[in-house]
PDB file of all heavy atoms in Angstrom:
ATOM      1  N   LEU A   1     -12.027  21.178  -8.695  1.00  0.00           N
ATOM      2  CA  LEU A   1     -10.976  20.455  -7.977  1.00  0.00           C
ATOM      3  C   LEU A   1      -9.616  21.059  -8.306  1.00  0.00           C
ATOM      4  O   LEU A   1      -9.391  21.602  -9.385  1.00  0.00           O
ATOM      5  CB  LEU A   1     -10.996  18.967  -8.365  1.00  0.00           C
ATOM      6  CG  LEU A   1     -12.287  18.209  -8.068  1.00  0.00           C
ATOM      7  CD1 LEU A   1     -12.223  16.796  -8.654  1.00  0.00           C
ATOM      8  CD2 LEU A   1     -12.556  18.143  -6.574  1.00  0.00           C
ATOM      9  N   LYS A   2      -8.685  20.921  -7.364  1.00  0.00           N
ATOM     10  CA  LYS A   2      -7.333  21.446  -7.562  1.00  0.00           C
ATOM     11  C   LYS A   2      -6.407  20.327  -8.042  1.00  0.00           C
ATOM     12  O   LYS A   2      -6.383  19.246  -7.458  1.00  0.00           O
ATOM     13  CB  LYS A   2      -6.809  22.058  -6.261  1.00  0.00           C
ATOM     14  CG  LYS A   2      -7.601  23.273  -5.799  1.00  0.00           C
ATOM     15  CD  LYS A   2      -7.040  23.842  -4.512  1.00  0.00           C
ATOM     16  CE  LYS A   2      -7.862  25.050  -4.046  1.00  0.00           C
ATOM     17  NZ  LYS A   2      -7.366  25.600  -2.759  1.00  0.00           N
ATOM     18  N   PHE A   3      -5.637  20.624  -9.091  1.00  0.00           N
ATOM     19  CA  PHE A   3      -4.706  19.655  -9.671  1.00  0.00           C
ATOM     20  C   PHE A   3      -3.267  20.131  -9.465  1.00  0.00           C
ATOM     21  O   PHE A   3      -2.467  20.170 -10.398  1.00  0.00           O
ATOM     22  CB  PHE A   3      -5.003  19.449 -11.157  1.00  0.00           C
ATOM     23  CG  PHE A   3      -6.292  18.716 -11.424  1.00  0.00           C
ATOM     24  CD1 PHE A   3      -7.514  19.393 -11.393  1.00  0.00           C
ATOM     25  CD2 PHE A   3      -6.293  17.363 -11.692  1.00  0.00           C
ATOM     26  CE1 PHE A   3      -8.700  18.725 -11.647  1.00  0.00           C
ATOM     27  CE2 PHE A   3      -7.483  16.687 -11.936  1.00  0.00           C
ATOM     28  CZ  PHE A   3      -8.684  17.375 -11.913  1.00  0.00           C
ATOM     29  N   THR A   4      -2.962  20.488  -8.222  1.00  0.00           N
ATOM     30  CA  THR A   4      -1.629  20.982  -7.885  1.00  0.00           C
ATOM     31  C   THR A   4      -0.635  19.828  -7.817  1.00  0.00           C
ATOM     32  O   THR A   4      -0.884  18.824  -7.141  1.00  0.00           O
ATOM     33  CB  THR A   4      -1.651  21.714  -6.532  1.00  0.00           C
ATOM     34  OG1 THR A   4      -2.725  22.663  -6.526  1.00  0.00           O
ATOM     35  CG2 THR A   4      -0.333  22.414  -6.277  1.00  0.00           C
ATOM     36  N   PHE A   5       0.485  19.970  -8.496  1.00  0.00           N
ATOM     37  CA  PHE A   5       1.509  18.928  -8.510  1.00  0.00           C
ATOM     38  C   PHE A   5       2.394  19.059  -7.272  1.00  0.00           C
ATOM     39  O   PHE A   5       3.063  20.078  -7.082  1.00  0.00           O
ATOM     40  CB  PHE A   5       2.356  19.022  -9.782  1.00  0.00           C
ATOM     41  CG  PHE A   5       3.438  17.985  -9.863  1.00  0.00           C
ATOM     42  CD1 PHE A   5       3.131  16.632  -9.754  1.00  0.00           C
ATOM     43  CD2 PHE A   5       4.763  18.361 -10.051  1.00  0.00           C
ATOM     44  CE1 PHE A   5       4.123  15.663  -9.825  1.00  0.00           C
ATOM     45  CE2 PHE A   5       5.758  17.403 -10.130  1.00  0.00           C
ATOM     46  CZ  PHE A   5       5.443  16.045 -10.011  1.00  0.00           C
ATOM     47  N   LYS A   6       2.391  18.044  -6.420  1.00  0.00           N
ATOM     48  CA  LYS A   6       3.186  18.030  -5.193  1.00  0.00           C
ATOM     49  C   LYS A   6       3.966  16.711  -5.142  1.00  0.00           C
ATOM     50  O   LYS A   6       3.477  15.706  -4.618  1.00  0.00           O
ATOM     51  CB  LYS A   6       2.279  18.178  -3.973  1.00  0.00           C
ATOM     52  CG  LYS A   6       1.499  19.491  -3.955  1.00  0.00           C
ATOM     53  CD  LYS A   6       0.671  19.643  -2.697  1.00  0.00           C
ATOM     54  CE  LYS A   6      -0.059  20.987  -2.687  1.00  0.00           C
ATOM     55  NZ  LYS A   6      -0.830  21.214  -1.451  1.00  0.00           N
ATOM     56  N   PRO A   7       5.181  16.698  -5.711  1.00  0.00           N
ATOM     57  CA  PRO A   7       5.933  15.438  -5.853  1.00  0.00           C
ATOM     58  C   PRO A   7       6.257  14.739  -4.538  1.00  0.00           C
ATOM     59  O   PRO A   7       6.140  13.517  -4.448  1.00  0.00           O
ATOM     60  CB  PRO A   7       7.207  15.863  -6.592  1.00  0.00           C
ATOM     61  CG  PRO A   7       7.289  17.346  -6.429  1.00  0.00           C
ATOM     62  CD  PRO A   7       5.904  17.836  -6.302  1.00  0.00           C
ATOM     63  N   LYS A   8       6.656  15.496  -3.505  1.00  0.00           N
ATOM     64  CA  LYS A   8       7.015  14.859  -2.232  1.00  0.00           C
ATOM     65  C   LYS A   8       5.806  14.166  -1.607  1.00  0.00           C
ATOM     66  O   LYS A   8       5.894  13.016  -1.150  1.00  0.00           O
ATOM     67  CB  LYS A   8       7.573  15.881  -1.249  1.00  0.00           C
ATOM     68  CG  LYS A   8       8.016  15.254   0.071  1.00  0.00           C
ATOM     69  CD  LYS A   8       8.530  16.294   1.044  1.00  0.00           C
ATOM     70  CE  LYS A   8       9.000  15.628   2.337  1.00  0.00           C
ATOM     71  NZ  LYS A   8       7.932  14.828   2.994  1.00  0.00           N
ATOM     72  N   GLU A   9       4.684  14.878  -1.564  1.00  0.00           N
ATOM     73  CA  GLU A   9       3.465  14.298  -0.986  1.00  0.00           C
ATOM     74  C   GLU A   9       2.998  13.083  -1.798  1.00  0.00           C
ATOM     75  O   GLU A   9       2.483  12.115  -1.231  1.00  0.00           O
ATOM     76  CB  GLU A   9       2.354  15.342  -0.930  1.00  0.00           C
ATOM     77  CG  GLU A   9       2.557  16.427   0.122  1.00  0.00           C
ATOM     78  CD  GLU A   9       3.518  17.513  -0.318  1.00  0.00           C
ATOM     79  OE1 GLU A   9       4.060  17.396  -1.441  1.00  0.00           O
ATOM     80  OE2 GLU A   9       3.727  18.480   0.435  1.00  0.00           O
ATOM     81  N   THR A  10       3.197  13.131  -3.115  1.00  0.00           N
ATOM     82  CA  THR A  10       2.810  12.002  -3.966  1.00  0.00           C
ATOM     83  C   THR A  10       3.660  10.779  -3.648  1.00  0.00           C
ATOM     84  O   THR A  10       3.137   9.667  -3.500  1.00  0.00           O
ATOM     85  CB  THR A  10       2.966  12.366  -5.456  1.00  0.00           C
ATOM     86  OG1 THR A  10       2.160  13.518  -5.742  1.00  0.00           O
ATOM     87  CG2 THR A  10       2.539  11.213  -6.336  1.00  0.00           C
ATOM     88  N   ILE A  11       4.970  10.972  -3.537  1.00  0.00           N
ATOM     89  CA  ILE A  11       5.869   9.860  -3.214  1.00  0.00           C
ATOM     90  C   ILE A  11       5.561   9.305  -1.826  1.00  0.00           C
ATOM     91  O   ILE A  11       5.547   8.085  -1.606  1.00  0.00           O
ATOM     92  CB  ILE A  11       7.349  10.306  -3.309  1.00  0.00           C
ATOM     93  CG1 ILE A  11       7.688  10.656  -4.761  1.00  0.00           C
ATOM     94  CG2 ILE A  11       8.281   9.223  -2.790  1.00  0.00           C
ATOM     95  CD1 ILE A  11       9.050  11.295  -4.937  1.00  0.00           C
ATOM     96  N   ASP A  12       5.314  10.203  -0.871  1.00  0.00           N
ATOM     97  CA  ASP A  12       4.962   9.770   0.493  1.00  0.00           C
ATOM     98  C   ASP A  12       3.698   8.899   0.462  1.00  0.00           C
ATOM     99  O   ASP A  12       3.632   7.864   1.150  1.00  0.00           O
ATOM    100  CB  ASP A  12       4.727  10.986   1.392  1.00  0.00           C
ATOM    101  CG  ASP A  12       6.018  11.731   1.707  1.00  0.00           C
ATOM    102  OD1 ASP A  12       7.094  11.216   1.392  1.00  0.00           O
ATOM    103  OD2 ASP A  12       5.920  12.839   2.266  1.00  0.00           O
ATOM    104  N   THR A  13       2.719   9.319  -0.314  1.00  0.00           N
ATOM    105  CA  THR A  13       1.451   8.585  -0.397  1.00  0.00           C
ATOM    106  C   THR A  13       1.659   7.203  -1.001  1.00  0.00           C
ATOM    107  O   THR A  13       1.138   6.201  -0.486  1.00  0.00           O
ATOM    108  CB  THR A  13       0.421   9.375  -1.235  1.00  0.00           C
ATOM    109  OG1 THR A  13       0.299  10.699  -0.721  1.00  0.00           O
ATOM    110  CG2 THR A  13      -0.939   8.698  -1.199  1.00  0.00           C
ATOM    111  N   VAL A  14       2.424   7.130  -2.090  1.00  0.00           N
ATOM    112  CA  VAL A  14       2.714   5.841  -2.718  1.00  0.00           C
ATOM    113  C   VAL A  14       3.415   4.917  -1.735  1.00  0.00           C
ATOM    114  O   VAL A  14       3.074   3.731  -1.603  1.00  0.00           O
ATOM    115  CB  VAL A  14       3.593   6.025  -3.976  1.00  0.00           C
ATOM    116  CG1 VAL A  14       4.042   4.662  -4.513  1.00  0.00           C
ATOM    117  CG2 VAL A  14       2.834   6.774  -5.053  1.00  0.00           C
ATOM    118  N   ALA A  15       4.405   5.452  -1.028  1.00  0.00           N
ATOM    119  CA  ALA A  15       5.190   4.628  -0.104  1.00  0.00           C
ATOM    120  C   ALA A  15       4.338   4.090   1.045  1.00  0.00           C
ATOM    121  O   ALA A  15       4.437   2.905   1.400  1.00  0.00           O
ATOM    122  CB  ALA A  15       6.353   5.452   0.454  1.00  0.00           C
ATOM    123  N   MET A  16       3.482   4.931   1.614  1.00  0.00           N
ATOM    124  CA  MET A  16       2.634   4.476   2.717  1.00  0.00           C
ATOM    125  C   MET A  16       1.632   3.428   2.247  1.00  0.00           C
ATOM    126  O   MET A  16       1.394   2.426   2.934  1.00  0.00           O
ATOM    127  CB  MET A  16       1.908   5.680   3.348  1.00  0.00           C
ATOM    128  CG  MET A  16       2.822   6.576   4.164  1.00  0.00           C
ATOM    129  SD  MET A  16       1.939   7.866   5.077  1.00  0.00           S
ATOM    130  CE  MET A  16       1.475   8.969   3.744  1.00  0.00           C
ATOM    131  N   MET A  17       1.048   3.648   1.065  1.00  0.00           N
ATOM    132  CA  MET A  17       0.124   2.659   0.523  1.00  0.00           C
ATOM    133  C   MET A  17       0.832   1.341   0.247  1.00  0.00           C
ATOM    134  O   MET A  17       0.300   0.268   0.541  1.00  0.00           O
ATOM    135  CB  MET A  17      -0.516   3.182  -0.773  1.00  0.00           C
ATOM    136  CG  MET A  17      -1.575   4.233  -0.581  1.00  0.00           C
ATOM    137  SD  MET A  17      -2.534   4.493  -2.112  1.00  0.00           S
ATOM    138  CE  MET A  17      -1.256   4.979  -3.240  1.00  0.00           C
ATOM    139  N   TYR A  18       2.018   1.433  -0.327  1.00  0.00           N
ATOM    140  CA  TYR A  18       2.722   0.207  -0.700  1.00  0.00           C
ATOM    141  C   TYR A  18       3.150  -0.583   0.530  1.00  0.00           C
ATOM    142  O   TYR A  18       3.119  -1.819   0.519  1.00  0.00           O
ATOM    143  CB  TYR A  18       3.938   0.524  -1.566  1.00  0.00           C
ATOM    144  CG  TYR A  18       4.381  -0.679  -2.363  1.00  0.00           C
ATOM    145  CD1 TYR A  18       3.668  -1.074  -3.496  1.00  0.00           C
ATOM    146  CD2 TYR A  18       5.474  -1.439  -1.975  1.00  0.00           C
ATOM    147  CE1 TYR A  18       4.047  -2.189  -4.213  1.00  0.00           C
ATOM    148  CE2 TYR A  18       5.861  -2.556  -2.685  1.00  0.00           C
ATOM    149  CZ  TYR A  18       5.141  -2.924  -3.808  1.00  0.00           C
ATOM    150  OH  TYR A  18       5.506  -4.043  -4.515  1.00  0.00           O
ATOM    151  N   PHE A  19       3.533   0.125   1.589  1.00  0.00           N
ATOM    152  CA  PHE A  19       3.880  -0.586   2.821  1.00  0.00           C
ATOM    153  C   PHE A  19       2.670  -1.340   3.363  1.00  0.00           C
ATOM    154  O   PHE A  19       2.777  -2.506   3.755  1.00  0.00           O
ATOM    155  CB  PHE A  19       4.396   0.387   3.883  1.00  0.00           C
ATOM    156  CG  PHE A  19       4.464  -0.238   5.254  1.00  0.00           C
ATOM    157  CD1 PHE A  19       5.449  -1.153   5.577  1.00  0.00           C
ATOM    158  CD2 PHE A  19       3.510   0.072   6.218  1.00  0.00           C
ATOM    159  CE1 PHE A  19       5.497  -1.756   6.824  1.00  0.00           C
ATOM    160  CE2 PHE A  19       3.542  -0.516   7.468  1.00  0.00           C
ATOM    161  CZ  PHE A  19       4.553  -1.437   7.779  1.00  0.00           C
ATOM    162  N   LEU A  20       1.513  -0.668   3.402  1.00  0.00           N
ATOM    163  CA  LEU A  20       0.293  -1.320   3.893  1.00  0.00           C
ATOM    164  C   LEU A  20      -0.086  -2.508   3.022  1.00  0.00           C
ATOM    165  O   LEU A  20      -0.447  -3.578   3.528  1.00  0.00           O
ATOM    166  CB  LEU A  20      -0.851  -0.311   3.949  1.00  0.00           C
ATOM    167  CG  LEU A  20      -0.729   0.783   5.015  1.00  0.00           C
ATOM    168  CD1 LEU A  20      -1.843   1.809   4.861  1.00  0.00           C
ATOM    169  CD2 LEU A  20      -0.754   0.186   6.414  1.00  0.00           C
ATOM    170  N   ASN A  21      -0.009  -2.339   1.701  1.00  0.00           N
ATOM    171  CA  ASN A  21      -0.326  -3.442   0.789  1.00  0.00           C
ATOM    172  C   ASN A  21       0.645  -4.605   0.965  1.00  0.00           C
ATOM    173  O   ASN A  21       0.251  -5.777   0.894  1.00  0.00           O
ATOM    174  CB  ASN A  21      -0.288  -2.959  -0.668  1.00  0.00           C
ATOM    175  CG  ASN A  21      -1.466  -2.080  -1.025  1.00  0.00           C
ATOM    176  OD1 ASN A  21      -2.498  -2.107  -0.361  1.00  0.00           O
ATOM    177  ND2 ASN A  21      -1.331  -1.291  -2.064  1.00  0.00           N
ATOM    178  N   TYR A  22       1.911  -4.269   1.187  1.00  0.00           N
ATOM    179  CA  TYR A  22       2.933  -5.304   1.383  1.00  0.00           C
ATOM    180  C   TYR A  22       2.660  -6.078   2.666  1.00  0.00           C
ATOM    181  O   TYR A  22       2.726  -7.318   2.685  1.00  0.00           O
ATOM    182  CB  TYR A  22       4.309  -4.645   1.444  1.00  0.00           C
ATOM    183  CG  TYR A  22       5.469  -5.611   1.406  1.00  0.00           C
ATOM    184  CD1 TYR A  22       5.914  -6.129   0.188  1.00  0.00           C
ATOM    185  CD2 TYR A  22       6.121  -5.996   2.573  1.00  0.00           C
ATOM    186  CE1 TYR A  22       6.988  -7.008   0.145  1.00  0.00           C
ATOM    187  CE2 TYR A  22       7.192  -6.884   2.538  1.00  0.00           C
ATOM    188  CZ  TYR A  22       7.619  -7.385   1.322  1.00  0.00           C
ATOM    189  OH  TYR A  22       8.675  -8.269   1.288  1.00  0.00           O
ATOM    190  N   ALA A  23       2.328  -5.350   3.737  1.00  0.00           N
ATOM    191  CA  ALA A  23       2.037  -6.000   5.021  1.00  0.00           C
ATOM    192  C   ALA A  23       0.783  -6.863   4.928  1.00  0.00           C
ATOM    193  O   ALA A  23       0.759  -8.000   5.427  1.00  0.00           O
ATOM    194  CB  ALA A  23       1.882  -4.945   6.116  1.00  0.00           C
ATOM    195  N   ILE A  24      -0.251  -6.342   4.270  1.00  0.00           N
ATOM    196  CA  ILE A  24      -1.491  -7.104   4.103  1.00  0.00           C
ATOM    197  C   ILE A  24      -1.248  -8.319   3.209  1.00  0.00           C
ATOM    198  O   ILE A  24      -1.822  -9.392   3.422  1.00  0.00           O
ATOM    199  CB  ILE A  24      -2.599  -6.211   3.515  1.00  0.00           C
ATOM    200  CG1 ILE A  24      -2.977  -5.127   4.534  1.00  0.00           C
ATOM    201  CG2 ILE A  24      -3.836  -7.026   3.157  1.00  0.00           C
ATOM    202  CD1 ILE A  24      -3.862  -4.037   3.971  1.00  0.00           C
ATOM    203  N   GLY A  25      -0.368  -8.156   2.207  1.00  0.00           N
ATOM    204  CA  GLY A  25      -0.028  -9.268   1.327  1.00  0.00           C
ATOM    205  C   GLY A  25       0.620 -10.412   2.078  1.00  0.00           C
ATOM    206  O   GLY A  25       0.358 -11.592   1.799  1.00  0.00           O
ATOM    207  N   ILE A  26       1.472 -10.079   3.036  1.00  0.00           N
ATOM    208  CA  ILE A  26       2.113 -11.105   3.866  1.00  0.00           C
ATOM    209  C   ILE A  26       1.062 -11.838   4.698  1.00  0.00           C
ATOM    210  O   ILE A  26       1.076 -13.073   4.799  1.00  0.00           O
ATOM    211  CB  ILE A  26       3.187 -10.470   4.773  1.00  0.00           C
ATOM    212  CG1 ILE A  26       4.344  -9.940   3.919  1.00  0.00           C
ATOM    213  CG2 ILE A  26       3.693 -11.479   5.796  1.00  0.00           C
ATOM    214  CD1 ILE A  26       5.393  -9.197   4.717  1.00  0.00           C
ATOM    215  N   ILE A  27       0.159 -11.072   5.292  1.00  0.00           N
ATOM    216  CA  ILE A  27      -0.922 -11.687   6.081  1.00  0.00           C
ATOM    217  C   ILE A  27      -1.782 -12.583   5.197  1.00  0.00           C
ATOM    218  O   ILE A  27      -2.156 -13.699   5.581  1.00  0.00           O
ATOM    219  CB  ILE A  27      -1.786 -10.600   6.752  1.00  0.00           C
ATOM    220  CG1 ILE A  27      -0.949  -9.798   7.745  1.00  0.00           C
ATOM    221  CG2 ILE A  27      -3.000 -11.221   7.441  1.00  0.00           C
ATOM    222  CD1 ILE A  27      -1.656  -8.585   8.317  1.00  0.00           C
ATOM    223  N   GLY A  28      -2.092 -12.103   3.976  1.00  0.00           N
ATOM    224  CA  GLY A  28      -2.896 -12.895   3.043  1.00  0.00           C
ATOM    225  C   GLY A  28      -2.199 -14.190   2.656  1.00  0.00           C
ATOM    226  O   GLY A  28      -2.847 -15.237   2.526  1.00  0.00           O
ATOM    227  N   ALA A  29      -0.878 -14.123   2.476  1.00  0.00           N
ATOM    228  CA  ALA A  29      -0.121 -15.330   2.136  1.00  0.00           C
ATOM    229  C   ALA A  29      -0.177 -16.347   3.271  1.00  0.00           C
ATOM    230  O   ALA A  29      -0.278 -17.559   3.034  1.00  0.00           O
ATOM    231  CB  ALA A  29       1.327 -14.964   1.815  1.00  0.00           C
ATOM    232  N   LEU A  30      -0.122 -15.848   4.507  1.00  0.00           N
ATOM    233  CA  LEU A  30      -0.212 -16.747   5.664  1.00  0.00           C
ATOM    234  C   LEU A  30      -1.607 -17.363   5.759  1.00  0.00           C
ATOM    235  O   LEU A  30      -1.750 -18.555   6.065  1.00  0.00           O
ATOM    236  CB  LEU A  30       0.120 -15.982   6.948  1.00  0.00           C
ATOM    237  CG  LEU A  30       1.563 -15.471   7.070  1.00  0.00           C
ATOM    238  CD1 LEU A  30       1.718 -14.613   8.327  1.00  0.00           C
ATOM    239  CD2 LEU A  30       2.543 -16.653   7.118  1.00  0.00           C
ATOM    240  N   LEU A  31      -2.641 -16.546   5.479  1.00  0.00           N
ATOM    241  CA  LEU A  31      -4.013 -17.059   5.534  1.00  0.00           C
ATOM    242  C   LEU A  31      -4.276 -18.091   4.439  1.00  0.00           C
ATOM    243  O   LEU A  31      -5.081 -19.014   4.614  1.00  0.00           O
ATOM    244  CB  LEU A  31      -5.012 -15.909   5.409  1.00  0.00           C
ATOM    245  CG  LEU A  31      -5.094 -14.952   6.605  1.00  0.00           C
ATOM    246  CD1 LEU A  31      -6.036 -13.790   6.295  1.00  0.00           C
ATOM    247  CD2 LEU A  31      -5.551 -15.683   7.854  1.00  0.00           C
ATOM    248  N   SER A  32      -3.595 -17.931   3.285  1.00  0.00           N
ATOM    249  CA  SER A  32      -3.781 -18.894   2.204  1.00  0.00           C
ATOM    250  C   SER A  32      -3.272 -20.278   2.596  1.00  0.00           C
ATOM    251  O   SER A  32      -3.705 -21.288   2.026  1.00  0.00           O
ATOM    252  CB  SER A  32      -3.061 -18.415   0.939  1.00  0.00           C
ATOM    253  OG  SER A  32      -1.654 -18.414   1.129  1.00  0.00           O
ATOM    254  N   LYS A  33      -2.368 -20.309   3.561  1.00  0.00           N
ATOM    255  CA  LYS A  33      -1.840 -21.594   4.034  1.00  0.00           C
ATOM    256  C   LYS A  33      -2.906 -22.389   4.784  1.00  0.00           C
ATOM    257  O   LYS A  33      -2.811 -23.616   4.892  1.00  0.00           O
ATOM    258  CB  LYS A  33      -0.637 -21.359   4.954  1.00  0.00           C
ATOM    259  CG  LYS A  33       0.531 -20.620   4.313  1.00  0.00           C
ATOM    260  CD  LYS A  33       1.180 -21.429   3.212  1.00  0.00           C
ATOM    261  CE  LYS A  33       2.391 -20.699   2.638  1.00  0.00           C
ATOM    262  NZ  LYS A  33       3.024 -21.469   1.532  1.00  0.00           N
ATOM    263  N   ILE A  34      -3.929 -21.669   5.287  1.00  0.00           N
ATOM    264  CA  ILE A  34      -4.989 -22.372   6.025  1.00  0.00           C
ATOM    265  C   ILE A  34      -6.259 -22.510   5.179  1.00  0.00           C
ATOM    266  O   ILE A  34      -7.321 -22.787   5.701  1.00  0.00           O
ATOM    267  CB  ILE A  34      -5.305 -21.660   7.359  1.00  0.00           C
ATOM    268  CG1 ILE A  34      -5.798 -20.225   7.110  1.00  0.00           C
ATOM    269  CG2 ILE A  34      -4.089 -21.656   8.274  1.00  0.00           C
ATOM    270  CD1 ILE A  34      -6.252 -19.511   8.369  1.00  0.00           C
ATOM    271  N   GLY A  35      -6.116 -22.231   3.877  1.00  0.00           N
ATOM    272  CA  GLY A  35      -7.229 -22.510   2.970  1.00  0.00           C
ATOM    273  C   GLY A  35      -7.999 -21.316   2.464  1.00  0.00           C
ATOM    274  O   GLY A  35      -8.952 -21.485   1.703  1.00  0.00           O
ATOM    275  N   LEU A  36      -7.630 -20.073   2.853  1.00  0.00           N
ATOM    276  CA  LEU A  36      -8.347 -18.902   2.340  1.00  0.00           C
ATOM    277  C   LEU A  36      -7.946 -18.679   0.889  1.00  0.00           C
ATOM    278  O   LEU A  36      -6.761 -18.485   0.588  1.00  0.00           O
ATOM    279  CB  LEU A  36      -8.008 -17.654   3.161  1.00  0.00           C
ATOM    280  CG  LEU A  36      -8.740 -16.372   2.756  1.00  0.00           C
ATOM    281  CD1 LEU A  36     -10.221 -16.485   3.068  1.00  0.00           C
ATOM    282  CD2 LEU A  36      -8.150 -15.154   3.449  1.00  0.00           C
TER     283      LEU A  36
END
């Protein structure tokens, strides 16, 4: 496997994941209001 350090791509990946997790977290909070 290649362990090449690519800081920009790493930051981009973190940001995209965090946005998705944040959006899903909001949906989960809304679903918890109905008993999930």
